[in-house]
Amino acid sequence: MEISTLKKRIDDLERQLTKMQGTSYHEDRKALLQVAGSYIGKKVNIDLKEDHEDVDIFNYGNTKHGSNVILDADDEWLLLRIDTPKGNKEKLIRMESIERISVIKEE
């Protein structure tokens, strides 16, 4: 069996256990949900977990050439508007794929 297949299976099992057992992930997730809710309408940097990278966020949202704006958030999803030099895109991002959200200070 390939290592990538095993890693995926382990990640899936950890996710299932976390949902069932209420581990510390829930506390981190709860804090993340509170932050996401309080940042609705604001420009933010989004750090995604290593295995959940997104090209639009990487190329535009977290750079000086664009930005991420949180439009809405719930327990499972984050709705973003990604401003790019060519226009805006709306994206749904799973909350479980987000490692950190930080607000961008307006100058």
PDB file of N, CA and C in Angstrom:
ATOM      1  N   MET A   1       0.841  -1.176   0.000  1.00  0.00           N
ATOM      2  CA  MET A   1       0.000   0.000   0.000  1.00  0.00           C
ATOM      3  C   MET A   1       0.893   1.248   0.000  1.00  0.00           C
ATOM      4  N   GLU A   2       0.501   2.260  -0.745  1.00  0.00           N
ATOM      5  CA  GLU A   2       1.302   3.476  -0.836  1.00  0.00           C
ATOM      6  C   GLU A   2       1.190   4.307   0.434  1.00  0.00           C
ATOM      7  N   ILE A   3       2.229   5.068   0.712  1.00  0.00           N
ATOM      8  CA  ILE A   3       2.250   5.919   1.903  1.00  0.00           C
ATOM      9  C   ILE A   3       1.154   6.973   1.839  1.00  0.00           C
ATOM     10  N   SER A   4       0.920   7.547   0.654  1.00  0.00           N
ATOM     11  CA  SER A   4      -0.109   8.589   0.530  1.00  0.00           C
ATOM     12  C   SER A   4      -1.499   8.021   0.826  1.00  0.00           C
ATOM     13  N   THR A   5      -1.744   6.781   0.435  1.00  0.00           N
ATOM     14  CA  THR A   5      -3.025   6.142   0.722  1.00  0.00           C
ATOM     15  C   THR A   5      -3.185   5.926   2.221  1.00  0.00           C
ATOM     16  N   LEU A   6      -2.127   5.477   2.866  1.00  0.00           N
ATOM     17  CA  LEU A   6      -2.169   5.296   4.316  1.00  0.00           C
ATOM     18  C   LEU A   6      -2.380   6.613   5.042  1.00  0.00           C
ATOM     19  N   LYS A   7      -1.689   7.659   4.604  1.00  0.00           N
ATOM     20  CA  LYS A   7      -1.850   8.974   5.236  1.00  0.00           C
ATOM     21  C   LYS A   7      -3.285   9.462   5.118  1.00  0.00           C
ATOM     22  N   LYS A   8      -3.886   9.287   3.945  1.00  0.00           N
ATOM     23  CA  LYS A   8      -5.272   9.704   3.740  1.00  0.00           C
ATOM     24  C   LYS A   8      -6.204   8.930   4.664  1.00  0.00           C
ATOM     25  N   ARG A   9      -5.992   7.640   4.769  1.00  0.00           N
ATOM     26  CA  ARG A   9      -6.837   6.819   5.639  1.00  0.00           C
ATOM     27  C   ARG A   9      -6.684   7.238   7.097  1.00  0.00           C
ATOM     28  N   ILE A  10      -5.463   7.508   7.524  1.00  0.00           N
ATOM     29  CA  ILE A  10      -5.219   7.945   8.908  1.00  0.00           C
ATOM     30  C   ILE A  10      -5.887   9.293   9.158  1.00  0.00           C
ATOM     31  N   ASP A  11      -5.732  10.227   8.222  1.00  0.00           N
ATOM     32  CA  ASP A  11      -6.365  11.548   8.365  1.00  0.00           C
ATOM     33  C   ASP A  11      -7.886  11.418   8.469  1.00  0.00           C
ATOM     34  N   ASP A  12      -8.485  10.562   7.633  1.00  0.00           N
ATOM     35  CA  ASP A  12      -9.929  10.349   7.679  1.00  0.00           C
ATOM     36  C   ASP A  12     -10.365   9.778   9.022  1.00  0.00           C
ATOM     37  N   LEU A  13      -9.618   8.808   9.522  1.00  0.00           N
ATOM     38  CA  LEU A  13      -9.936   8.215  10.816  1.00  0.00           C
ATOM     39  C   LEU A  13      -9.796   9.218  11.955  1.00  0.00           C
ATOM     40  N   GLU A  14      -8.736  10.031  11.922  1.00  0.00           N
ATOM     41  CA  GLU A  14      -8.549  11.059  12.953  1.00  0.00           C
ATOM     42  C   GLU A  14      -9.702  12.049  12.934  1.00  0.00           C
ATOM     43  N   ARG A  15     -10.144  12.437  11.749  1.00  0.00           N
ATOM     44  CA  ARG A  15     -11.259  13.371  11.622  1.00  0.00           C
ATOM     45  C   ARG A  15     -12.527  12.772  12.221  1.00  0.00           C
ATOM     46  N   GLN A  16     -12.784  11.500  11.933  1.00  0.00           N
ATOM     47  CA  GLN A  16     -13.966  10.826  12.477  1.00  0.00           C
ATOM     48  C   GLN A  16     -13.885  10.726  13.996  1.00  0.00           C
ATOM     49  N   LEU A  17     -12.722  10.351  14.522  1.00  0.00           N
ATOM     50  CA  LEU A  17     -12.551  10.247  15.974  1.00  0.00           C
ATOM     51  C   LEU A  17     -12.735  11.597  16.657  1.00  0.00           C
ATOM     52  N   THR A  18     -12.215  12.619  16.048  1.00  0.00           N
ATOM     53  CA  THR A  18     -12.337  13.961  16.611  1.00  0.00           C
ATOM     54  C   THR A  18     -13.794  14.363  16.732  1.00  0.00           C
ATOM     55  N   LYS A  19     -14.566  14.109  15.708  1.00  0.00           N
ATOM     56  CA  LYS A  19     -15.987  14.462  15.737  1.00  0.00           C
ATOM     57  C   LYS A  19     -16.727  13.655  16.803  1.00  0.00           C
ATOM     58  N   MET A  20     -16.338  12.405  17.012  1.00  0.00           N
ATOM     59  CA  MET A  20     -17.035  11.536  17.961  1.00  0.00           C
ATOM     60  C   MET A  20     -16.601  11.764  19.404  1.00  0.00           C
ATOM     61  N   GLN A  21     -15.342  12.075  19.652  1.00  0.00           N
ATOM     62  CA  GLN A  21     -14.828  12.084  21.012  1.00  0.00           C
ATOM     63  C   GLN A  21     -14.676  13.462  21.638  1.00  0.00           C
ATOM     64  N   GLY A  22     -14.787  14.534  20.893  1.00  0.00           N
ATOM     65  CA  GLY A  22     -14.641  15.854  21.482  1.00  0.00           C
ATOM     66  C   GLY A  22     -13.233  16.118  21.958  1.00  0.00           C
ATOM     67  N   THR A  23     -12.246  15.862  21.151  1.00  0.00           N
ATOM     68  CA  THR A  23     -10.850  16.076  21.535  1.00  0.00           C
ATOM     69  C   THR A  23     -10.529  17.565  21.515  1.00  0.00           C
ATOM     70  N   SER A  24      -9.260  17.885  21.757  1.00  0.00           N
ATOM     71  CA  SER A  24      -8.828  19.282  21.785  1.00  0.00           C
ATOM     72  C   SER A  24      -9.035  19.962  20.427  1.00  0.00           C
ATOM     73  N   TYR A  25      -9.144  19.179  19.365  1.00  0.00           N
ATOM     74  CA  TYR A  25      -9.420  19.760  18.049  1.00  0.00           C
ATOM     75  C   TYR A  25     -10.696  20.578  18.087  1.00  0.00           C
ATOM     76  N   HIS A  26     -11.694  20.096  18.835  1.00  0.00           N
ATOM     77  CA  HIS A  26     -12.944  20.842  18.930  1.00  0.00           C
ATOM     78  C   HIS A  26     -12.731  22.202  19.583  1.00  0.00           C
ATOM     79  N   GLU A  27     -11.883  22.244  20.591  1.00  0.00           N
ATOM     80  CA  GLU A  27     -11.629  23.535  21.221  1.00  0.00           C
ATOM     81  C   GLU A  27     -10.929  24.466  20.246  1.00  0.00           C
ATOM     82  N   ASP A  28      -9.951  23.969  19.506  1.00  0.00           N
ATOM     83  CA  ASP A  28      -9.301  24.805  18.496  1.00  0.00           C
ATOM     84  C   ASP A  28     -10.310  25.210  17.435  1.00  0.00           C
ATOM     85  N   ARG A  29     -11.141  24.273  17.044  1.00  0.00           N
ATOM     86  CA  ARG A  29     -12.150  24.552  16.020  1.00  0.00           C
ATOM     87  C   ARG A  29     -13.145  25.595  16.527  1.00  0.00           C
ATOM     88  N   LYS A  30     -13.526  25.483  17.787  1.00  0.00           N
ATOM     89  CA  LYS A  30     -14.465  26.451  18.365  1.00  0.00           C
ATOM     90  C   LYS A  30     -13.863  27.856  18.328  1.00  0.00           C
ATOM     91  N   ALA A  31     -12.599  27.974  18.674  1.00  0.00           N
ATOM     92  CA  ALA A  31     -11.923  29.272  18.616  1.00  0.00           C
ATOM     93  C   ALA A  31     -11.861  29.779  17.177  1.00  0.00           C
ATOM     94  N   LEU A  32     -11.580  28.878  16.252  1.00  0.00           N
ATOM     95  CA  LEU A  32     -11.527  29.246  14.841  1.00  0.00           C
ATOM     96  C   LEU A  32     -12.890  29.737  14.358  1.00  0.00           C
ATOM     97  N   LEU A  33     -13.958  29.073  14.765  1.00  0.00           N
ATOM     98  CA  LEU A  33     -15.306  29.486  14.381  1.00  0.00           C
ATOM     99  C   LEU A  33     -15.640  30.866  14.945  1.00  0.00           C
ATOM    100  N   GLN A  34     -15.239  31.122  16.180  1.00  0.00           N
ATOM    101  CA  GLN A  34     -15.490  32.430  16.781  1.00  0.00           C
ATOM    102  C   GLN A  34     -14.738  33.525  16.031  1.00  0.00           C
ATOM    103  N   VAL A  35     -13.482  33.246  15.691  1.00  0.00           N
ATOM    104  CA  VAL A  35     -12.679  34.220  14.948  1.00  0.00           C
ATOM    105  C   VAL A  35     -13.303  34.485  13.586  1.00  0.00           C
ATOM    106  N   ALA A  36     -13.668  33.420  12.891  1.00  0.00           N
ATOM    107  CA  ALA A  36     -14.263  33.572  11.557  1.00  0.00           C
ATOM    108  C   ALA A  36     -15.531  34.409  11.624  1.00  0.00           C
ATOM    109  N   GLY A  37     -16.376  34.148  12.609  1.00  0.00           N
ATOM    110  CA  GLY A  37     -17.606  34.921  12.762  1.00  0.00           C
ATOM    111  C   GLY A  37     -17.356  36.384  13.072  1.00  0.00           C
ATOM    112  N   SER A  38     -16.338  36.659  13.856  1.00  0.00           N
ATOM    113  CA  SER A  38     -16.059  38.052  14.222  1.00  0.00           C
ATOM    114  C   SER A  38     -15.361  38.830  13.096  1.00  0.00           C
ATOM    115  N   TYR A  39     -14.812  38.122  12.117  1.00  0.00           N
ATOM    116  CA  TYR A  39     -14.108  38.770  11.007  1.00  0.00           C
ATOM    117  C   TYR A  39     -14.958  38.899   9.749  1.00  0.00           C
ATOM    118  N   ILE A  40     -16.253  38.613   9.817  1.00  0.00           N
ATOM    119  CA  ILE A  40     -17.111  38.747   8.634  1.00  0.00           C
ATOM    120  C   ILE A  40     -17.053  40.190   8.138  1.00  0.00           C
ATOM    121  N   GLY A  41     -16.785  40.341   6.829  1.00  0.00           N
ATOM    122  CA  GLY A  41     -16.686  41.651   6.207  1.00  0.00           C
ATOM    123  C   GLY A  41     -15.290  42.246   6.243  1.00  0.00           C
ATOM    124  N   LYS A  42     -14.346  41.551   6.878  1.00  0.00           N
ATOM    125  CA  LYS A  42     -12.982  42.081   6.996  1.00  0.00           C
ATOM    126  C   LYS A  42     -12.015  41.328   6.090  1.00  0.00           C
ATOM    127  N   LYS A  43     -10.915  42.016   5.748  1.00  0.00           N
ATOM    128  CA  LYS A  43      -9.847  41.384   4.974  1.00  0.00           C
ATOM    129  C   LYS A  43      -8.995  40.546   5.916  1.00  0.00           C
ATOM    130  N   VAL A  44      -8.713  39.312   5.489  1.00  0.00           N
ATOM    131  CA  VAL A  44      -7.980  38.378   6.340  1.00  0.00           C
ATOM    132  C   VAL A  44      -6.941  37.612   5.543  1.00  0.00           C
ATOM    133  N   ASN A  45      -5.979  37.073   6.257  1.00  0.00           N
ATOM    134  CA  ASN A  45      -5.072  36.062   5.710  1.00  0.00           C
ATOM    135  C   ASN A  45      -5.598  34.716   6.169  1.00  0.00           C
ATOM    136  N   ILE A  46      -5.602  33.764   5.263  1.00  0.00           N
ATOM    137  CA  ILE A  46      -6.063  32.416   5.560  1.00  0.00           C
ATOM    138  C   ILE A  46      -4.878  31.472   5.410  1.00  0.00           C
ATOM    139  N   ASP A  47      -4.541  30.758   6.469  1.00  0.00           N
ATOM    140  CA  ASP A  47      -3.520  29.717   6.396  1.00  0.00           C
ATOM    141  C   ASP A  47      -4.243  28.383   6.374  1.00  0.00           C
ATOM    142  N   LEU A  48      -4.060  27.647   5.277  1.00  0.00           N
ATOM    143  CA  LEU A  48      -4.689  26.346   5.133  1.00  0.00           C
ATOM    144  C   LEU A  48      -3.742  25.246   5.579  1.00  0.00           C
ATOM    145  N   LYS A  49      -4.306  24.146   6.000  1.00  0.00           N
ATOM    146  CA  LYS A  49      -3.495  22.997   6.368  1.00  0.00           C
ATOM    147  C   LYS A  49      -2.750  22.516   5.130  1.00  0.00           C
ATOM    148  N   GLU A  50      -1.625  21.876   5.356  1.00  0.00           N
ATOM    149  CA  GLU A  50      -0.701  21.494   4.292  1.00  0.00           C
ATOM    150  C   GLU A  50      -1.367  20.709   3.164  1.00  0.00           C
ATOM    151  N   ASP A  51      -2.267  19.814   3.489  1.00  0.00           N
ATOM    152  CA  ASP A  51      -2.882  18.987   2.455  1.00  0.00           C
ATOM    153  C   ASP A  51      -4.166  19.588   1.877  1.00  0.00           C
ATOM    154  N   HIS A  52      -4.425  20.873   2.132  1.00  0.00           N
ATOM    155  CA  HIS A  52      -5.625  21.547   1.630  1.00  0.00           C
ATOM    156  C   HIS A  52      -5.320  22.865   0.928  1.00  0.00           C
ATOM    157  N   GLU A  53      -4.170  22.994   0.320  1.00  0.00           N
ATOM    158  CA  GLU A  53      -3.792  24.265  -0.313  1.00  0.00           C
ATOM    159  C   GLU A  53      -4.765  24.653  -1.427  1.00  0.00           C
ATOM    160  N   ASP A  54      -4.954  25.950  -1.616  1.00  0.00           N
ATOM    161  CA  ASP A  54      -5.838  26.479  -2.641  1.00  0.00           C
ATOM    162  C   ASP A  54      -5.057  27.493  -3.474  1.00  0.00           C
ATOM    163  N   VAL A  55      -5.083  27.339  -4.776  1.00  0.00           N
ATOM    164  CA  VAL A  55      -4.295  28.180  -5.687  1.00  0.00           C
ATOM    165  C   VAL A  55      -4.708  29.639  -5.600  1.00  0.00           C
ATOM    166  N   ASP A  56      -6.011  29.934  -5.574  1.00  0.00           N
ATOM    167  CA  ASP A  56      -6.473  31.325  -5.542  1.00  0.00           C
ATOM    168  C   ASP A  56      -6.049  32.036  -4.262  1.00  0.00           C
ATOM    169  N   ILE A  57      -6.174  31.364  -3.139  1.00  0.00           N
ATOM    170  CA  ILE A  57      -5.757  31.969  -1.865  1.00  0.00           C
ATOM    171  C   ILE A  57      -4.246  32.175  -1.858  1.00  0.00           C
ATOM    172  N   PHE A  58      -3.523  31.185  -2.317  1.00  0.00           N
ATOM    173  CA  PHE A  58      -2.060  31.273  -2.345  1.00  0.00           C
ATOM    174  C   PHE A  58      -1.572  32.371  -3.293  1.00  0.00           C
ATOM    175  N   ASN A  59      -2.128  32.440  -4.497  1.00  0.00           N
ATOM    176  CA  ASN A  59      -1.654  33.388  -5.511  1.00  0.00           C
ATOM    177  C   ASN A  59      -2.168  34.813  -5.323  1.00  0.00           C
ATOM    178  N   TYR A  60      -3.353  34.980  -4.761  1.00  0.00           N
ATOM    179  CA  TYR A  60      -3.941  36.319  -4.671  1.00  0.00           C
ATOM    180  C   TYR A  60      -4.372  36.717  -3.263  1.00  0.00           C
ATOM    181  N   GLY A  61      -5.123  35.856  -2.597  1.00  0.00           N
ATOM    182  CA  GLY A  61      -5.748  36.224  -1.336  1.00  0.00           C
ATOM    183  C   GLY A  61      -4.803  36.648  -0.242  1.00  0.00           C
ATOM    184  N   ASN A  62      -3.663  36.001  -0.142  1.00  0.00           N
ATOM    185  CA  ASN A  62      -2.720  36.308   0.930  1.00  0.00           C
ATOM    186  C   ASN A  62      -1.532  37.123   0.428  1.00  0.00           C
ATOM    187  N   THR A  63      -1.727  37.918  -0.612  1.00  0.00           N
ATOM    188  CA  THR A  63      -0.625  38.689  -1.184  1.00  0.00           C
ATOM    189  C   THR A  63      -0.993  40.158  -1.293  1.00  0.00           C
ATOM    190  N   LYS A  64      -0.021  40.964  -1.699  1.00  0.00           N
ATOM    191  CA  LYS A  64      -0.292  42.394  -1.907  1.00  0.00           C
ATOM    192  C   LYS A  64      -1.096  42.630  -3.183  1.00  0.00           C
ATOM    193  N   HIS A  65      -1.259  41.599  -4.023  1.00  0.00           N
ATOM    194  CA  HIS A  65      -1.981  41.728  -5.290  1.00  0.00           C
ATOM    195  C   HIS A  65      -3.469  41.452  -5.153  1.00  0.00           C
ATOM    196  N   GLY A  66      -3.920  41.089  -3.974  1.00  0.00           N
ATOM    197  CA  GLY A  66      -5.325  40.778  -3.768  1.00  0.00           C
ATOM    198  C   GLY A  66      -5.637  40.670  -2.297  1.00  0.00           C
ATOM    199  N   SER A  67      -6.813  40.136  -1.984  1.00  0.00           N
ATOM    200  CA  SER A  67      -7.177  39.966  -0.580  1.00  0.00           C
ATOM    201  C   SER A  67      -8.294  38.941  -0.440  1.00  0.00           C
ATOM    202  N   ASN A  68      -8.454  38.447   0.790  1.00  0.00           N
ATOM    203  CA  ASN A  68      -9.568  37.566   1.158  1.00  0.00           C
ATOM    204  C   ASN A  68     -10.508  38.372   2.041  1.00  0.00           C
ATOM    205  N   VAL A  69     -11.791  38.293   1.768  1.00  0.00           N
ATOM    206  CA  VAL A  69     -12.788  38.921   2.628  1.00  0.00           C
ATOM    207  C   VAL A  69     -13.783  37.832   3.028  1.00  0.00           C
ATOM    208  N   ILE A  70     -14.011  37.690   4.334  1.00  0.00           N
ATOM    209  CA  ILE A  70     -14.970  36.699   4.810  1.00  0.00           C
ATOM    210  C   ILE A  70     -16.375  37.252   4.613  1.00  0.00           C
ATOM    211  N   LEU A  71     -17.186  36.510   3.865  1.00  0.00           N
ATOM    212  CA  LEU A  71     -18.572  36.911   3.627  1.00  0.00           C
ATOM    213  C   LEU A  71     -19.528  36.238   4.605  1.00  0.00           C
ATOM    214  N   ASP A  72     -19.224  34.988   4.990  1.00  0.00           N
ATOM    215  CA  ASP A  72     -20.094  34.260   5.916  1.00  0.00           C
ATOM    216  C   ASP A  72     -19.327  33.069   6.474  1.00  0.00           C
ATOM    217  N   ALA A  73     -19.776  32.571   7.607  1.00  0.00           N
ATOM    218  CA  ALA A  73     -19.127  31.410   8.235  1.00  0.00           C
ATOM    219  C   ALA A  73     -20.160  30.631   9.031  1.00  0.00           C
ATOM    220  N   ASP A  74     -20.029  29.302   8.996  1.00  0.00           N
ATOM    221  CA  ASP A  74     -20.822  28.457   9.877  1.00  0.00           C
ATOM    222  C   ASP A  74     -19.930  27.328  10.390  1.00  0.00           C
ATOM    223  N   ASP A  75     -20.519  26.318  10.997  1.00  0.00           N
ATOM    224  CA  ASP A  75     -19.733  25.237  11.605  1.00  0.00           C
ATOM    225  C   ASP A  75     -18.903  24.455  10.601  1.00  0.00           C
ATOM    226  N   GLU A  76     -19.319  24.391   9.360  1.00  0.00           N
ATOM    227  CA  GLU A  76     -18.656  23.558   8.367  1.00  0.00           C
ATOM    228  C   GLU A  76     -17.931  24.334   7.269  1.00  0.00           C
ATOM    229  N   TRP A  77     -18.402  25.535   6.941  1.00  0.00           N
ATOM    230  CA  TRP A  77     -17.908  26.250   5.759  1.00  0.00           C
ATOM    231  C   TRP A  77     -17.568  27.702   6.056  1.00  0.00           C
ATOM    232  N   LEU A  78     -16.638  28.210   5.258  1.00  0.00           N
ATOM    233  CA  LEU A  78     -16.279  29.624   5.265  1.00  0.00           C
ATOM    234  C   LEU A  78     -16.487  30.132   3.839  1.00  0.00           C
ATOM    235  N   LEU A  79     -17.299  31.162   3.675  1.00  0.00           N
ATOM    236  CA  LEU A  79     -17.518  31.759   2.361  1.00  0.00           C
ATOM    237  C   LEU A  79     -16.608  32.972   2.242  1.00  0.00           C
ATOM    238  N   LEU A  80     -15.733  32.935   1.232  1.00  0.00           N
ATOM    239  CA  LEU A  80     -14.751  33.996   1.007  1.00  0.00           C
ATOM    240  C   LEU A  80     -15.000  34.698  -0.311  1.00  0.00           C
ATOM    241  N   ARG A  81     -14.667  35.959  -0.345  1.00  0.00           N
ATOM    242  CA  ARG A  81     -14.514  36.666  -1.617  1.00  0.00           C
ATOM    243  C   ARG A  81     -13.020  36.900  -1.768  1.00  0.00           C
ATOM    244  N   ILE A  82     -12.468  36.402  -2.856  1.00  0.00           N
ATOM    245  CA  ILE A  82     -11.053  36.585  -3.128  1.00  0.00           C
ATOM    246  C   ILE A  82     -10.935  37.658  -4.203  1.00  0.00           C
ATOM    247  N   ASP A  83     -10.354  38.783  -3.835  1.00  0.00           N
ATOM    248  CA  ASP A  83     -10.154  39.888  -4.777  1.00  0.00           C
ATOM    249  C   ASP A  83      -8.843  39.658  -5.516  1.00  0.00           C
ATOM    250  N   THR A  84      -8.924  39.635  -6.840  1.00  0.00           N
ATOM    251  CA  THR A  84      -7.742  39.436  -7.674  1.00  0.00           C
ATOM    252  C   THR A  84      -7.609  40.622  -8.620  1.00  0.00           C
ATOM    253  N   PRO A  85      -6.472  40.788  -9.267  1.00  0.00           N
ATOM    254  CA  PRO A  85      -6.328  41.883 -10.233  1.00  0.00           C
ATOM    255  C   PRO A  85      -7.341  41.803 -11.374  1.00  0.00           C
ATOM    256  N   LYS A  86      -7.856  40.614 -11.657  1.00  0.00           N
ATOM    257  CA  LYS A  86      -8.800  40.440 -12.758  1.00  0.00           C
ATOM    258  C   LYS A  86     -10.255  40.430 -12.310  1.00  0.00           C
ATOM    259  N   GLY A  87     -10.517  40.601 -11.039  1.00  0.00           N
ATOM    260  CA  GLY A  87     -11.891  40.586 -10.543  1.00  0.00           C
ATOM    261  C   GLY A  87     -12.010  39.839  -9.234  1.00  0.00           C
ATOM    262  N   ASN A  88     -13.250  39.515  -8.870  1.00  0.00           N
ATOM    263  CA  ASN A  88     -13.523  38.840  -7.603  1.00  0.00           C
ATOM    264  C   ASN A  88     -14.013  37.423  -7.858  1.00  0.00           C
ATOM    265  N   LYS A  89     -13.683  36.536  -6.915  1.00  0.00           N
ATOM    266  CA  LYS A  89     -14.162  35.151  -6.932  1.00  0.00           C
ATOM    267  C   LYS A  89     -14.733  34.855  -5.560  1.00  0.00           C
ATOM    268  N   GLU A  90     -15.825  34.121  -5.531  1.00  0.00           N
ATOM    269  CA  GLU A  90     -16.337  33.630  -4.259  1.00  0.00           C
ATOM    270  C   GLU A  90     -15.986  32.158  -4.155  1.00  0.00           C
ATOM    271  N   LYS A  91     -15.563  31.758  -2.956  1.00  0.00           N
ATOM    272  CA  LYS A  91     -15.158  30.369  -2.717  1.00  0.00           C
ATOM    273  C   LYS A  91     -15.693  29.898  -1.386  1.00  0.00           C
ATOM    274  N   LEU A  92     -16.093  28.636  -1.373  1.00  0.00           N
ATOM    275  CA  LEU A  92     -16.437  27.956  -0.129  1.00  0.00           C
ATOM    276  C   LEU A  92     -15.234  27.130   0.298  1.00  0.00           C
ATOM    277  N   ILE A  93     -14.805  27.309   1.531  1.00  0.00           N
ATOM    278  CA  ILE A  93     -13.672  26.577   2.072  1.00  0.00           C
ATOM    279  C   ILE A  93     -14.171  25.812   3.296  1.00  0.00           C
ATOM    280  N   ARG A  94     -13.846  24.535   3.373  1.00  0.00           N
ATOM    281  CA  ARG A  94     -14.219  23.743   4.558  1.00  0.00           C
ATOM    282  C   ARG A  94     -13.464  24.263   5.778  1.00  0.00           C
ATOM    283  N   MET A  95     -14.167  24.421   6.887  1.00  0.00           N
ATOM    284  CA  MET A  95     -13.534  24.898   8.112  1.00  0.00           C
ATOM    285  C   MET A  95     -12.425  23.950   8.561  1.00  0.00           C
ATOM    286  N   GLU A  96     -12.589  22.663   8.334  1.00  0.00           N
ATOM    287  CA  GLU A  96     -11.577  21.705   8.783  1.00  0.00           C
ATOM    288  C   GLU A  96     -10.266  21.833   8.019  1.00  0.00           C
ATOM    289  N   SER A  97     -10.272  22.530   6.877  1.00  0.00           N
ATOM    290  CA  SER A  97      -9.039  22.694   6.106  1.00  0.00           C
ATOM    291  C   SER A  97      -8.254  23.942   6.508  1.00  0.00           C
ATOM    292  N   ILE A  98      -8.832  24.764   7.387  1.00  0.00           N
ATOM    293  CA  ILE A  98      -8.202  26.025   7.788  1.00  0.00           C
ATOM    294  C   ILE A  98      -7.392  25.820   9.060  1.00  0.00           C
ATOM    295  N   GLU A  99      -6.161  26.298   9.011  1.00  0.00           N
ATOM    296  CA  GLU A  99      -5.311  26.217  10.198  1.00  0.00           C
ATOM    297  C   GLU A  99      -5.398  27.503  11.024  1.00  0.00           C
ATOM    298  N   ARG A 100      -5.435  28.651  10.338  1.00  0.00           N
ATOM    299  CA  ARG A 100      -5.418  29.928  11.055  1.00  0.00           C
ATOM    300  C   ARG A 100      -6.039  31.017  10.186  1.00  0.00           C
ATOM    301  N   ILE A 101      -6.705  31.963  10.857  1.00  0.00           N
ATOM    302  CA  ILE A 101      -7.247  33.156  10.203  1.00  0.00           C
ATOM    303  C   ILE A 101      -6.711  34.347  10.967  1.00  0.00           C
ATOM    304  N   SER A 102      -6.173  35.322  10.234  1.00  0.00           N
ATOM    305  CA  SER A 102      -5.706  36.539  10.905  1.00  0.00           C
ATOM    306  C   SER A 102      -6.188  37.745  10.111  1.00  0.00           C
ATOM    307  N   VAL A 103      -6.641  38.743  10.838  1.00  0.00           N
ATOM    308  CA  VAL A 103      -7.163  39.955  10.198  1.00  0.00           C
ATOM    309  C   VAL A 103      -5.987  40.802   9.693  1.00  0.00           C
ATOM    310  N   ILE A 104      -6.205  41.478   8.564  1.00  0.00           N
ATOM    311  CA  ILE A 104      -5.202  42.360   7.992  1.00  0.00           C
ATOM    312  C   ILE A 104      -5.472  43.767   8.507  1.00  0.00           C
ATOM    313  N   LYS A 105      -4.483  44.378   9.078  1.00  0.00           N
ATOM    314  CA  LYS A 105      -4.626  45.747   9.576  1.00  0.00           C
ATOM    315  C   LYS A 105      -4.710  46.707   8.409  1.00  0.00           C
ATOM    316  N   GLU A 106      -5.753  47.527   8.405  1.00  0.00           N
ATOM    317  CA  GLU A 106      -5.938  48.532   7.352  1.00  0.00           C
ATOM    318  C   GLU A 106      -4.952  49.678   7.584  1.00  0.00           C
ATOM    319  N   GLU A 107      -4.327  50.141   6.511  1.00  0.00           N
ATOM    320  CA  GLU A 107      -3.360  51.239   6.632  1.00  0.00           C
ATOM    321  C   GLU A 107      -4.005  52.583   6.397  1.00  0.00           C
TER     322      GLU A 107
END
